[in-house]
Amino acid sequence: MMLRTVFLNTTRCAARPTLLARQTARPIYQVLARYESSKANDALKAARKAKDKLQKDWQGPVLAYEQVKPKTLSPSADAYLIDVREPDEVMQGSIPSSVNLPLSVLANSFHLTPQAFKAQHGFEKPGKKQEVVFYCRSGMRSASACDIAKRNGYENIFNYEGSWLDWTSREGGKGSTTSS
């Protein structure tokens, strides 16, 4: 129908385009613009899909108490047990051999240089391929910490899902406490 309208309008005097001719020309340009933009949209959609794949909620491997306990008995320089609770929560106690790196500063800390990281947190920055086990109070923040670590290129990440509550229930309230 659009071609027919254009054909009928072109039989009129070309020097005096009518309102109808102007109205029919506009949709043609819009169709061409939509066609051209659909190619750009395809590229944009592909980029968004790749970004979504990277930022999709990621479920890291989950560790149980039985798997975490040996790590506390014989700590290794190649593995980190990171408590992502805030410092005031850590005052109540922590799992032996763990280090504190609050979730609120985790993402920014991963972007620090190794020297700045050690100066700010008091321990070496974990390597991207080193084993890192996160825990918190109940396992929710540690799952978020795993997701943040994954998005920052860390590969060997674990979540102690039971976290501090599980640890204290199994250890009878025992954990290392920090004194002020």
N, C-alpha and C. Protein backbone atom coordinates (compact mmCIF):
# COMPACT_ATOMS: atom_id res chain seq x y z
N MET A 1 0.82 -1.19 0.00
CA MET A 1 0.00 0.00 0.00
C MET A 1 0.86 1.25 0.00
N MET A 2 1.99 1.20 0.68
CA MET A 2 2.84 2.37 0.74
C MET A 2 3.42 2.68 -0.64
N LEU A 3 3.79 1.65 -1.40
CA LEU A 3 4.33 1.88 -2.74
C LEU A 3 3.27 2.48 -3.65
N ARG A 4 2.08 2.03 -3.52
CA ARG A 4 0.99 2.55 -4.34
C ARG A 4 0.75 4.02 -4.02
N THR A 5 0.76 4.36 -2.74
CA THR A 5 0.56 5.75 -2.36
C THR A 5 1.68 6.61 -2.91
N VAL A 6 2.89 6.14 -2.82
CA VAL A 6 4.02 6.90 -3.34
C VAL A 6 3.90 7.04 -4.85
N PHE A 7 3.49 5.98 -5.55
CA PHE A 7 3.35 6.04 -6.99
C PHE A 7 2.28 7.05 -7.37
N LEU A 8 1.17 7.05 -6.69
CA LEU A 8 0.11 8.00 -6.99
C LEU A 8 0.56 9.42 -6.73
N ASN A 9 1.33 9.62 -5.70
CA ASN A 9 1.77 10.97 -5.37
C ASN A 9 2.86 11.45 -6.32
N THR A 10 3.61 10.57 -6.91
CA THR A 10 4.66 11.00 -7.83
C THR A 10 4.08 11.43 -9.17
N THR A 11 2.84 11.09 -9.45
CA THR A 11 2.25 11.54 -10.70
C THR A 11 1.84 13.00 -10.60
N ARG A 12 1.78 13.55 -9.41
CA ARG A 12 1.47 14.97 -9.26
C ARG A 12 2.70 15.78 -9.62
N CYS A 13 2.57 17.01 -9.60
CA CYS A 13 3.66 17.90 -9.95
C CYS A 13 4.76 17.79 -8.89
N ALA A 14 5.97 17.51 -9.31
CA ALA A 14 7.09 17.32 -8.40
C ALA A 14 7.49 18.64 -7.76
N ALA A 15 7.18 19.78 -8.39
CA ALA A 15 7.56 21.07 -7.86
C ALA A 15 6.70 21.43 -6.65
N ARG A 16 5.48 20.89 -6.57
CA ARG A 16 4.59 21.20 -5.46
C ARG A 16 4.21 19.91 -4.74
N PRO A 17 5.08 19.46 -3.86
CA PRO A 17 4.71 18.24 -3.15
C PRO A 17 3.50 18.51 -2.26
N THR A 18 2.63 17.60 -2.23
CA THR A 18 1.42 17.77 -1.43
C THR A 18 1.67 17.28 -0.02
N LEU A 19 0.74 17.59 0.83
CA LEU A 19 0.81 17.13 2.20
C LEU A 19 0.82 15.60 2.24
N LEU A 20 0.05 14.99 1.36
CA LEU A 20 -0.02 13.54 1.31
C LEU A 20 1.35 12.95 0.94
N ALA A 21 2.05 13.59 0.02
CA ALA A 21 3.37 13.10 -0.39
C ALA A 21 4.35 13.18 0.77
N ARG A 22 4.29 14.30 1.52
CA ARG A 22 5.18 14.45 2.66
C ARG A 22 4.84 13.42 3.75
N GLN A 23 3.57 13.15 3.93
CA GLN A 23 3.17 12.20 4.95
C GLN A 23 3.59 10.78 4.58
N THR A 24 3.55 10.44 3.32
CA THR A 24 3.93 9.09 2.93
C THR A 24 5.43 8.92 2.92
N ALA A 25 6.18 9.99 2.71
CA ALA A 25 7.63 9.88 2.70
C ALA A 25 8.17 9.61 4.11
N ARG A 26 7.55 10.19 5.09
CA ARG A 26 8.02 10.04 6.46
C ARG A 26 8.05 8.57 6.91
N PRO A 27 6.98 7.81 6.70
CA PRO A 27 7.06 6.41 7.13
C PRO A 27 8.13 5.61 6.40
N ILE A 28 8.41 5.96 5.17
CA ILE A 28 9.46 5.25 4.43
C ILE A 28 10.81 5.48 5.12
N TYR A 29 11.09 6.71 5.51
CA TYR A 29 12.34 6.99 6.21
C TYR A 29 12.38 6.29 7.56
N GLN A 30 11.25 6.27 8.22
CA GLN A 30 11.20 5.60 9.51
C GLN A 30 11.46 4.10 9.36
N VAL A 31 10.93 3.50 8.30
CA VAL A 31 11.18 2.08 8.07
C VAL A 31 12.65 1.85 7.82
N LEU A 32 13.28 2.70 7.01
CA LEU A 32 14.71 2.56 6.76
C LEU A 32 15.51 2.78 8.04
N ALA A 33 15.10 3.77 8.82
CA ALA A 33 15.80 4.03 10.07
C ALA A 33 15.64 2.84 11.02
N ARG A 34 14.47 2.27 11.06
CA ARG A 34 14.26 1.11 11.92
C ARG A 34 15.10 -0.07 11.45
N TYR A 35 15.19 -0.25 10.13
CA TYR A 35 15.99 -1.34 9.59
C TYR A 35 17.46 -1.16 9.97
N GLU A 36 17.97 0.05 9.77
CA GLU A 36 19.37 0.32 10.10
C GLU A 36 19.60 0.18 11.60
N SER A 37 18.67 0.68 12.40
CA SER A 37 18.87 0.60 13.84
C SER A 37 18.72 -0.83 14.34
N SER A 38 18.01 -1.68 13.62
CA SER A 38 17.89 -3.06 14.06
C SER A 38 19.24 -3.77 13.99
N LYS A 39 20.09 -3.38 13.04
CA LYS A 39 21.44 -3.95 12.99
C LYS A 39 22.23 -3.52 14.21
N ALA A 40 22.09 -2.24 14.57
CA ALA A 40 22.78 -1.74 15.76
C ALA A 40 22.19 -2.39 17.00
N ASN A 41 20.88 -2.58 17.01
CA ASN A 41 20.23 -3.22 18.14
C ASN A 41 20.70 -4.65 18.32
N ASP A 42 20.95 -5.36 17.21
CA ASP A 42 21.45 -6.73 17.30
C ASP A 42 22.80 -6.76 18.01
N ALA A 43 23.67 -5.81 17.64
CA ALA A 43 24.99 -5.73 18.27
C ALA A 43 24.84 -5.35 19.75
N LEU A 44 23.92 -4.42 20.02
CA LEU A 44 23.68 -4.01 21.40
C LEU A 44 23.10 -5.15 22.22
N LYS A 45 22.18 -5.90 21.62
CA LYS A 45 21.60 -7.05 22.31
C LYS A 45 22.66 -8.10 22.62
N ALA A 46 23.57 -8.33 21.68
CA ALA A 46 24.64 -9.30 21.90
C ALA A 46 25.56 -8.84 23.03
N ALA A 47 25.86 -7.55 23.05
CA ALA A 47 26.71 -7.01 24.12
C ALA A 47 26.00 -7.12 25.47
N ARG A 48 24.72 -6.82 25.50
CA ARG A 48 23.96 -6.93 26.76
C ARG A 48 23.89 -8.38 27.23
N LYS A 49 23.72 -9.30 26.28
CA LYS A 49 23.64 -10.71 26.64
C LYS A 49 24.97 -11.18 27.25
N ALA A 50 26.08 -10.74 26.66
CA ALA A 50 27.39 -11.10 27.20
C ALA A 50 27.58 -10.51 28.60
N LYS A 51 27.15 -9.26 28.78
CA LYS A 51 27.25 -8.61 30.09
C LYS A 51 26.37 -9.33 31.11
N ASP A 52 25.14 -9.67 30.70
CA ASP A 52 24.23 -10.38 31.60
C ASP A 52 24.80 -11.73 32.01
N LYS A 53 25.47 -12.39 31.08
CA LYS A 53 26.06 -13.69 31.40
C LYS A 53 27.13 -13.53 32.47
N LEU A 54 27.92 -12.43 32.37
CA LEU A 54 28.94 -12.18 33.37
C LEU A 54 28.35 -11.76 34.70
N GLN A 55 27.25 -11.01 34.65
CA GLN A 55 26.69 -10.47 35.87
C GLN A 55 25.52 -11.27 36.43
N LYS A 56 25.23 -12.37 35.80
CA LYS A 56 24.17 -13.24 36.28
C LYS A 56 24.54 -13.75 37.67
N ASP A 57 23.53 -13.86 38.52
CA ASP A 57 23.80 -14.38 39.84
C ASP A 57 24.51 -15.73 39.70
N TRP A 58 25.60 -15.83 40.38
CA TRP A 58 26.47 -16.99 40.24
C TRP A 58 26.47 -17.74 41.56
N GLN A 59 26.25 -19.01 41.49
CA GLN A 59 26.25 -19.85 42.68
C GLN A 59 27.59 -20.56 42.78
N GLY A 60 28.41 -20.11 43.70
CA GLY A 60 29.71 -20.73 43.89
C GLY A 60 29.58 -22.05 44.62
N PRO A 61 30.60 -22.86 44.57
CA PRO A 61 30.58 -24.12 45.31
C PRO A 61 30.41 -23.86 46.80
N VAL A 62 29.62 -24.68 47.44
CA VAL A 62 29.30 -24.52 48.85
C VAL A 62 30.10 -25.54 49.66
N LEU A 63 30.67 -25.08 50.77
CA LEU A 63 31.39 -25.97 51.68
C LEU A 63 30.57 -26.17 52.95
N ALA A 64 30.71 -27.34 53.54
CA ALA A 64 30.06 -27.66 54.80
C ALA A 64 31.09 -27.56 55.92
N TYR A 65 30.62 -27.62 57.14
CA TYR A 65 31.48 -27.56 58.32
C TYR A 65 32.61 -28.58 58.23
N GLU A 66 32.29 -29.79 57.81
CA GLU A 66 33.29 -30.85 57.73
C GLU A 66 34.43 -30.52 56.76
N GLN A 67 34.17 -29.70 55.78
CA GLN A 67 35.19 -29.30 54.82
C GLN A 67 35.98 -28.08 55.29
N VAL A 68 35.36 -27.24 56.10
CA VAL A 68 36.02 -26.02 56.58
C VAL A 68 36.90 -26.32 57.79
N LYS A 69 36.47 -27.19 58.67
CA LYS A 69 37.19 -27.50 59.91
C LYS A 69 38.66 -27.85 59.68
N PRO A 70 39.01 -28.74 58.73
CA PRO A 70 40.43 -29.04 58.50
C PRO A 70 41.24 -27.82 58.05
N LYS A 71 40.61 -26.90 57.37
CA LYS A 71 41.32 -25.69 56.91
C LYS A 71 41.71 -24.81 58.09
N THR A 72 40.94 -24.89 59.18
CA THR A 72 41.27 -24.08 60.36
C THR A 72 42.33 -24.74 61.23
N LEU A 73 42.43 -26.06 61.14
CA LEU A 73 43.42 -26.79 61.94
C LEU A 73 44.81 -26.70 61.35
N SER A 74 44.89 -26.66 60.03
CA SER A 74 46.19 -26.52 59.37
C SER A 74 46.06 -25.48 58.25
N PRO A 75 46.11 -24.20 58.63
CA PRO A 75 45.98 -23.14 57.63
C PRO A 75 47.13 -23.17 56.61
N SER A 76 46.82 -22.75 55.41
CA SER A 76 47.79 -22.74 54.33
C SER A 76 47.95 -21.32 53.78
N ALA A 77 49.15 -21.01 53.36
CA ALA A 77 49.38 -19.69 52.76
C ALA A 77 48.71 -19.57 51.40
N ASP A 78 48.35 -20.72 50.82
CA ASP A 78 47.72 -20.72 49.50
C ASP A 78 46.20 -20.63 49.57
N ALA A 79 45.64 -20.60 50.78
CA ALA A 79 44.19 -20.56 50.93
C ALA A 79 43.81 -19.50 51.95
N TYR A 80 42.70 -18.83 51.71
CA TYR A 80 42.20 -17.81 52.61
C TYR A 80 40.82 -18.19 53.10
N LEU A 81 40.59 -17.96 54.39
CA LEU A 81 39.27 -18.07 54.98
C LEU A 81 38.91 -16.63 55.37
N ILE A 82 37.97 -16.04 54.62
CA ILE A 82 37.66 -14.62 54.78
C ILE A 82 36.28 -14.43 55.39
N ASP A 83 36.27 -13.70 56.50
CA ASP A 83 35.04 -13.33 57.21
C ASP A 83 34.57 -11.99 56.63
N VAL A 84 33.40 -11.96 56.03
CA VAL A 84 32.92 -10.73 55.40
C VAL A 84 31.96 -9.94 56.29
N ARG A 85 31.89 -10.31 57.58
CA ARG A 85 31.07 -9.54 58.52
C ARG A 85 31.76 -8.20 58.82
N GLU A 86 30.99 -7.27 59.34
CA GLU A 86 31.53 -5.97 59.73
C GLU A 86 32.37 -6.13 61.01
N PRO A 87 33.33 -5.23 61.25
CA PRO A 87 34.22 -5.37 62.41
C PRO A 87 33.49 -5.49 63.75
N ASP A 88 32.37 -4.80 63.93
CA ASP A 88 31.66 -4.91 65.20
C ASP A 88 31.05 -6.30 65.40
N GLU A 89 30.74 -7.00 64.32
CA GLU A 89 30.24 -8.38 64.43
C GLU A 89 31.39 -9.35 64.73
N VAL A 90 32.54 -9.06 64.18
CA VAL A 90 33.71 -9.93 64.37
C VAL A 90 34.16 -9.89 65.83
N MET A 91 33.86 -8.80 66.53
CA MET A 91 34.22 -8.68 67.95
C MET A 91 33.60 -9.81 68.78
N GLN A 92 32.50 -10.38 68.31
CA GLN A 92 31.83 -11.47 69.02
C GLN A 92 32.61 -12.77 68.88
N GLY A 93 33.47 -12.84 67.89
CA GLY A 93 34.28 -14.02 67.67
C GLY A 93 34.38 -14.32 66.18
N SER A 94 35.33 -15.17 65.84
CA SER A 94 35.51 -15.55 64.44
C SER A 94 36.07 -16.97 64.37
N ILE A 95 36.01 -17.53 63.20
CA ILE A 95 36.54 -18.87 62.98
C ILE A 95 38.07 -18.78 63.01
N PRO A 96 38.75 -19.70 63.72
CA PRO A 96 40.21 -19.65 63.79
C PRO A 96 40.84 -19.64 62.39
N SER A 97 41.91 -18.88 62.26
CA SER A 97 42.71 -18.69 61.05
C SER A 97 42.02 -17.84 59.99
N SER A 98 40.87 -17.26 60.30
CA SER A 98 40.20 -16.40 59.31
C SER A 98 40.72 -14.98 59.41
N VAL A 99 40.53 -14.25 58.33
CA VAL A 99 40.85 -12.82 58.27
C VAL A 99 39.56 -12.08 57.95
N ASN A 100 39.49 -10.83 58.39
CA ASN A 100 38.28 -10.04 58.17
C ASN A 100 38.45 -9.10 56.99
N LEU A 101 37.49 -9.17 56.07
CA LEU A 101 37.40 -8.26 54.93
C LEU A 101 35.91 -7.99 54.73
N PRO A 102 35.40 -6.91 55.34
CA PRO A 102 33.95 -6.66 55.31
C PRO A 102 33.39 -6.58 53.89
N LEU A 103 32.20 -7.09 53.74
CA LEU A 103 31.52 -7.06 52.44
C LEU A 103 31.39 -5.64 51.92
N SER A 104 31.22 -4.68 52.83
CA SER A 104 31.02 -3.28 52.43
C SER A 104 32.24 -2.69 51.71
N VAL A 105 33.41 -3.27 51.89
CA VAL A 105 34.62 -2.76 51.23
C VAL A 105 35.24 -3.78 50.28
N LEU A 106 34.62 -4.93 50.16
CA LEU A 106 35.21 -6.04 49.38
C LEU A 106 35.48 -5.68 47.93
N ALA A 107 34.48 -5.17 47.23
CA ALA A 107 34.64 -4.88 45.80
C ALA A 107 35.74 -3.86 45.56
N ASN A 108 35.77 -2.80 46.36
CA ASN A 108 36.81 -1.78 46.19
C ASN A 108 38.18 -2.33 46.55
N SER A 109 38.23 -3.20 47.53
CA SER A 109 39.52 -3.77 47.96
C SER A 109 40.14 -4.65 46.88
N PHE A 110 39.32 -5.30 46.09
CA PHE A 110 39.85 -6.14 45.01
C PHE A 110 40.56 -5.30 43.93
N HIS A 111 40.27 -4.01 43.91
CA HIS A 111 40.90 -3.14 42.91
C HIS A 111 42.16 -2.45 43.44
N LEU A 112 42.49 -2.67 44.70
CA LEU A 112 43.70 -2.07 45.28
C LEU A 112 44.94 -2.81 44.81
N THR A 113 46.06 -2.12 44.83
CA THR A 113 47.33 -2.79 44.55
C THR A 113 47.64 -3.72 45.73
N PRO A 114 48.47 -4.74 45.54
CA PRO A 114 48.80 -5.62 46.66
C PRO A 114 49.37 -4.87 47.88
N GLN A 115 50.17 -3.85 47.64
CA GLN A 115 50.76 -3.09 48.74
C GLN A 115 49.68 -2.30 49.49
N ALA A 116 48.80 -1.64 48.76
CA ALA A 116 47.72 -0.87 49.39
C ALA A 116 46.74 -1.79 50.11
N PHE A 117 46.49 -2.96 49.53
CA PHE A 117 45.60 -3.94 50.16
C PHE A 117 46.16 -4.38 51.51
N LYS A 118 47.45 -4.72 51.53
CA LYS A 118 48.08 -5.18 52.78
C LYS A 118 48.10 -4.05 53.81
N ALA A 119 48.36 -2.83 53.38
CA ALA A 119 48.38 -1.70 54.31
C ALA A 119 46.98 -1.45 54.90
N GLN A 120 45.95 -1.63 54.12
CA GLN A 120 44.59 -1.36 54.58
C GLN A 120 44.01 -2.50 55.42
N HIS A 121 44.31 -3.74 55.06
CA HIS A 121 43.65 -4.88 55.70
C HIS A 121 44.56 -5.73 56.59
N GLY A 122 45.87 -5.56 56.46
CA GLY A 122 46.78 -6.27 57.34
C GLY A 122 47.15 -7.68 56.91
N PHE A 123 46.76 -8.08 55.72
CA PHE A 123 47.16 -9.38 55.18
C PHE A 123 47.32 -9.26 53.68
N GLU A 124 48.03 -10.25 53.10
CA GLU A 124 48.31 -10.22 51.66
C GLU A 124 47.02 -10.33 50.84
N LYS A 125 47.00 -9.67 49.73
CA LYS A 125 45.85 -9.75 48.82
C LYS A 125 45.81 -11.14 48.20
N PRO A 126 44.65 -11.79 48.21
CA PRO A 126 44.57 -13.12 47.59
C PRO A 126 44.83 -13.04 46.08
N GLY A 127 45.52 -14.04 45.58
CA GLY A 127 45.72 -14.13 44.14
C GLY A 127 44.45 -14.62 43.46
N LYS A 128 44.30 -14.33 42.20
CA LYS A 128 43.06 -14.68 41.48
C LYS A 128 42.84 -16.19 41.39
N LYS A 129 43.93 -16.97 41.50
CA LYS A 129 43.79 -18.43 41.41
C LYS A 129 43.88 -19.12 42.77
N GLN A 130 44.11 -18.36 43.83
CA GLN A 130 44.21 -18.95 45.16
C GLN A 130 42.83 -19.35 45.67
N GLU A 131 42.81 -20.34 46.55
CA GLU A 131 41.55 -20.77 47.15
C GLU A 131 41.08 -19.71 48.15
N VAL A 132 39.83 -19.29 48.00
CA VAL A 132 39.24 -18.31 48.91
C VAL A 132 37.90 -18.85 49.39
N VAL A 133 37.75 -18.98 50.71
CA VAL A 133 36.50 -19.41 51.32
C VAL A 133 35.92 -18.21 52.06
N PHE A 134 34.69 -17.84 51.71
CA PHE A 134 34.02 -16.73 52.37
C PHE A 134 33.00 -17.26 53.38
N TYR A 135 32.88 -16.55 54.49
CA TYR A 135 31.80 -16.84 55.44
C TYR A 135 31.35 -15.54 56.08
N CYS A 136 30.15 -15.57 56.65
CA CYS A 136 29.58 -14.40 57.33
C CYS A 136 28.84 -14.91 58.56
N ARG A 137 27.69 -14.36 58.85
CA ARG A 137 26.92 -14.83 60.01
C ARG A 137 26.09 -16.05 59.66
N SER A 138 25.35 -15.95 58.53
CA SER A 138 24.42 -17.04 58.20
C SER A 138 24.60 -17.59 56.78
N GLY A 139 25.43 -16.97 55.97
CA GLY A 139 25.68 -17.49 54.63
C GLY A 139 25.18 -16.61 53.49
N MET A 140 24.39 -15.59 53.81
CA MET A 140 23.86 -14.74 52.74
C MET A 140 24.92 -13.77 52.19
N ARG A 141 25.59 -13.06 53.08
CA ARG A 141 26.62 -12.12 52.62
C ARG A 141 27.81 -12.84 52.01
N SER A 142 28.11 -14.03 52.50
CA SER A 142 29.23 -14.78 51.92
C SER A 142 28.91 -15.21 50.48
N ALA A 143 27.63 -15.48 50.20
CA ALA A 143 27.23 -15.79 48.82
C ALA A 143 27.42 -14.56 47.93
N SER A 144 27.08 -13.39 48.46
CA SER A 144 27.31 -12.14 47.71
C SER A 144 28.80 -11.90 47.50
N ALA A 145 29.60 -12.21 48.52
CA ALA A 145 31.05 -12.04 48.41
C ALA A 145 31.61 -12.95 47.32
N CYS A 146 31.09 -14.17 47.22
CA CYS A 146 31.51 -15.09 46.16
C CYS A 146 31.20 -14.49 44.79
N ASP A 147 30.02 -13.92 44.67
CA ASP A 147 29.60 -13.31 43.41
C ASP A 147 30.51 -12.13 43.05
N ILE A 148 30.82 -11.30 44.02
CA ILE A 148 31.71 -10.15 43.79
C ILE A 148 33.10 -10.64 43.38
N ALA A 149 33.61 -11.64 44.06
CA ALA A 149 34.93 -12.18 43.73
C ALA A 149 34.94 -12.75 42.32
N LYS A 150 33.90 -13.47 41.96
CA LYS A 150 33.80 -14.05 40.61
C LYS A 150 33.83 -12.96 39.56
N ARG A 151 33.08 -11.90 39.78
CA ARG A 151 33.03 -10.78 38.82
C ARG A 151 34.36 -10.03 38.74
N ASN A 152 35.20 -10.19 39.76
CA ASN A 152 36.50 -9.55 39.75
C ASN A 152 37.62 -10.49 39.33
N GLY A 153 37.26 -11.63 38.76
CA GLY A 153 38.24 -12.52 38.15
C GLY A 153 38.78 -13.62 39.04
N TYR A 154 38.27 -13.77 40.24
CA TYR A 154 38.74 -14.84 41.11
C TYR A 154 38.10 -16.16 40.68
N GLU A 155 38.88 -17.22 40.70
CA GLU A 155 38.44 -18.48 40.10
C GLU A 155 38.17 -19.59 41.10
N ASN A 156 38.88 -19.62 42.21
CA ASN A 156 38.81 -20.73 43.15
C ASN A 156 38.08 -20.28 44.42
N ILE A 157 36.76 -20.06 44.29
CA ILE A 157 35.96 -19.42 45.33
C ILE A 157 34.99 -20.42 45.93
N PHE A 158 34.84 -20.35 47.26
CA PHE A 158 33.91 -21.23 47.97
C PHE A 158 33.10 -20.43 48.98
N ASN A 159 31.91 -20.91 49.26
CA ASN A 159 31.03 -20.28 50.23
C ASN A 159 30.78 -21.27 51.37
N TYR A 160 31.16 -20.89 52.58
CA TYR A 160 30.80 -21.70 53.75
C TYR A 160 29.39 -21.27 54.10
N GLU A 161 28.43 -22.02 53.60
CA GLU A 161 27.03 -21.61 53.66
C GLU A 161 26.49 -21.53 55.08
N GLY A 162 26.90 -22.42 55.96
CA GLY A 162 26.43 -22.37 57.34
C GLY A 162 27.01 -21.19 58.10
N SER A 163 28.21 -20.82 57.74
CA SER A 163 28.92 -19.67 58.29
C SER A 163 29.02 -19.69 59.80
N TRP A 164 29.05 -18.51 60.43
CA TRP A 164 29.32 -18.38 61.86
C TRP A 164 28.29 -19.11 62.72
N LEU A 165 27.03 -19.05 62.35
CA LEU A 165 25.99 -19.72 63.14
C LEU A 165 26.20 -21.23 63.16
N ASP A 166 26.54 -21.80 62.04
CA ASP A 166 26.81 -23.24 61.95
C ASP A 166 28.07 -23.58 62.76
N TRP A 167 29.10 -22.75 62.61
CA TRP A 167 30.36 -23.00 63.30
C TRP A 167 30.15 -23.02 64.82
N THR A 168 29.47 -22.01 65.35
CA THR A 168 29.29 -21.94 66.80
C THR A 168 28.38 -23.06 67.32
N SER A 169 27.40 -23.47 66.53
CA SER A 169 26.53 -24.56 66.98
C SER A 169 27.29 -25.88 67.03
N ARG A 170 28.23 -26.08 66.14
CA ARG A 170 28.99 -27.33 66.10
C ARG A 170 30.20 -27.32 67.04
N GLU A 171 30.73 -26.15 67.26
CA GLU A 171 31.90 -26.03 68.12
C GLU A 171 31.52 -25.73 69.57
N GLY A 172 30.24 -25.66 69.84
CA GLY A 172 29.79 -25.37 71.20
C GLY A 172 30.10 -23.94 71.62
N GLY A 173 29.99 -23.02 70.67
CA GLY A 173 30.24 -21.61 70.99
C GLY A 173 31.70 -21.23 70.92
N LYS A 174 32.56 -22.19 70.55
CA LYS A 174 34.00 -21.89 70.49
C LYS A 174 34.34 -21.23 69.16
N GLY A 175 35.19 -20.29 69.25
CA GLY A 175 35.75 -19.59 68.10
C GLY A 175 36.81 -18.69 68.65
N SER A 176 37.61 -18.13 67.81
CA SER A 176 38.61 -17.21 68.35
C SER A 176 37.91 -15.90 68.61
N THR A 177 38.24 -15.28 69.71
CA THR A 177 37.66 -13.98 70.03
C THR A 177 38.75 -12.95 70.02
N THR A 178 38.37 -11.76 69.67
CA THR A 178 39.34 -10.68 69.66
C THR A 178 39.12 -9.85 70.90
N SER A 179 40.16 -9.54 71.58
CA SER A 179 40.03 -8.69 72.77
C SER A 179 40.50 -7.30 72.44
N SER A 180 39.83 -6.32 73.04
CA SER A 180 40.20 -4.93 72.74
C SER A 180 41.07 -4.35 73.80
